[in-house]
Amino acid sequence: MMEDMPAEWGKISSREILAAVKGRMISGNPQTRFTGFSSDSRHIDPGGIFWALKGDRFDGHDFVSRAIEQGALGVVVQEVHPSLKESPRVVVISVADTLRALGDLAAWWRRQHTAKVIAITGSSGKTTTKEMTADILQIGTETLKNQGNHNNLIGLPATLLKLTKAHQRAVLEMGMNRRGEIARLTEIATPDVGIILNVGMAHLEGLGTLEGVAKAKTELMDRLPPKAQMVLNGDDDMLMKHAGQFNKKYITFGLRDNNSIRGVNIENRGSEGMGFDLVFNGDTWPICLSVSGLHNVKNALAAAAIAFCLDVPPEHIVKGLGLFTGVKGRFQTIPLKNHILLVDDTYNANPSALQASLVSAAALVPKGGRFLVGLGDMLELGDTAVSAHREAGSRVAGSGASWLFAMGTHADHIKYGALSAGMPEKHIVIVETHDELIMKISREIKTNDTILLKGSRKMQFEKVVEGIRKTDNQ
C-alpha cells in the first residue's frame, strides 16, 4: 500500500515509486528513500533516483553506472544491464517503457498535491504567455513553472516532480510535434485550466497540414478533466472551427468584440512597449506592457484570461503584466547606437510567428528609418517547406522592408518569394555563415533603422544578435 501523504523528495520510497509506475523491483530495499530525480547522470544528487531514458541520439542506460558512481541510490530502467548486478545496494526498478513510466510517476505526484495546474499550448507564444501568467500568479502565491521551454514528454513531468506542498499554482507549457503528445501531456498534468493560444503552421513535418495542427492542439480540450476551465483564442478561426466539435464550455480572449476577455484602445509606444485597455464582464483596466508587438498584447490577454479563471484580483493582473520584461530571444528590442533598434526574435520560427513578428517589428520603425530583416530557415515544415519559405520572402517584401538578408538551405526560396513580390534584387542578400550575416548587416545599417532577426532554433541566430551588438560597441 502507498503511504497516505503528499509526495515529497526525501520521504518518497521505492515502494511508492514502484506502485506509481507499475514496475518490477529487481533489487534493493523497498524502504529506500530518494532525495530527488534526474534523467541526466551528470546532474544527480547523492541519494537520488536516476531515470534511464532512450532518445534519438542517446540512451540513458549507457550512463547507469556513472549515475551510481555519482551517488544515485536507485535507477529505473527498461533493460537490466550487467553493470547493475555489481551494485546490490542500489534499487533497480524495471519498467516496459521508461518514458511512459516517467509520465506515470509525474501524474501520480501531481495528484498528491493541491496546486492548481494551468496548461498552455499553441503554435506560438507559449513561453511568453507562461512567463506573463507566472508574473501575475506569483503575486501572493507560490507558483511553479517550466524552466525555459521544458514542455515535452520529459520536461513537463520533470517540472511536475518539483511540486511541493508550498506550491499553490503550477504553470505548464505544452509543446508537441506529432499527434497524441498533447493528449498524453494533458493526461499527466490533469490541468484545472487549459488554454490554446493559436493554430499556426508549425511542426507540419509531423502533422501534415494546418488541420492536423488544429487536431493536435485541441487534444487538450478533448482530454481536459470535466470540471476544468477551457480558454480559447476567439480570433483564431481554425481553432474555433475545431473546438466546436467538443461539447465543452469555454471562454475566449482576443481583439474581436465577441470575445469574453478583450483588448481595446491599443497604443503602440514603440520600443517602450504597448498600452491597451483590458475588458472583462463590463469592467475595464488599463494595461502597460514594457514589451513591444501586437502579438504580445494577445499573449497578455491570454495570461489575463487564465488569471480570471482562477479568480485572481484584477489589480494583480495589472501589476503582473506590468512586471513582465520579456523573454530572451522572443521579440526583445535592443537599442543600439544612432537610434538603431535591433529586434531579437531568434529563439524559433514558423510561418505564423514570422508574420506576427514582421507586423510588430515594422510598426517600430520611426519616421525616416528603414526596416531590415535577417531571416533563417524555418524547420519542421515537411512538404510545405518550399512554398512556406517563398511565402516568407513575399511577406518580408510586403512588410515594407528595405533589405532582406537570408541564410540557410531555403535562402534561395526566400529570395524567390521576395523578388516575386517586387523587392529589388540588389536589396536581397544571401549569406552562408553567421559571420557574413553580421558583417553585411553591420555595414548596411544607418541611423533610425530597425533590424528584425528571426530563424528556427537550430539556425542559432542568437550568434548574429551578439555579433551585431559587439560590432556596435566597437
Foldseek 3Di string as FASTA:
>chain_A
DDDQAADDAVQDFLLVLCVLLVWDKPAADRRQGAREEDCDLVDGAARHEHEFADDPVDTSVVCPVSSVVNHHQEYEEQDDDPVVVVCRNHIYIHDPHSLLSLLSVLLVNLVSEQAAEEEEEEPDDQVVLLQLLCLLVVVVAAEFEQDDQLAFSPRLSNSSRPDDRRHNYYYGYHDDLAAPGLLSSCSSNLHQEYEYLEQDLASCLHQVDSLSSLVRSCSNVVNRPQNHEYEYAPVHPSNVVVSVVDPHDYFYEEDDPPGQWHWPPWDFPAQQAIWTWIDHPRDIDIAGARAFFPVVVSSLSVSVVVCVSVVRDVVSSRVSRNPDDDDPQCQHWDAFPLREIETRNAAADDLVSLLRSLQGQLVNQDVPAAEEEEEEQHDSNNPCRLVSLLVSLLSNLVSRHLAYEYEDPNLVSSLNSVVVNPHDNVRYHYDYDLVVVLVVVLVPHDRRYYYYYYHGNVNVCVSSVVSNRVVRVD
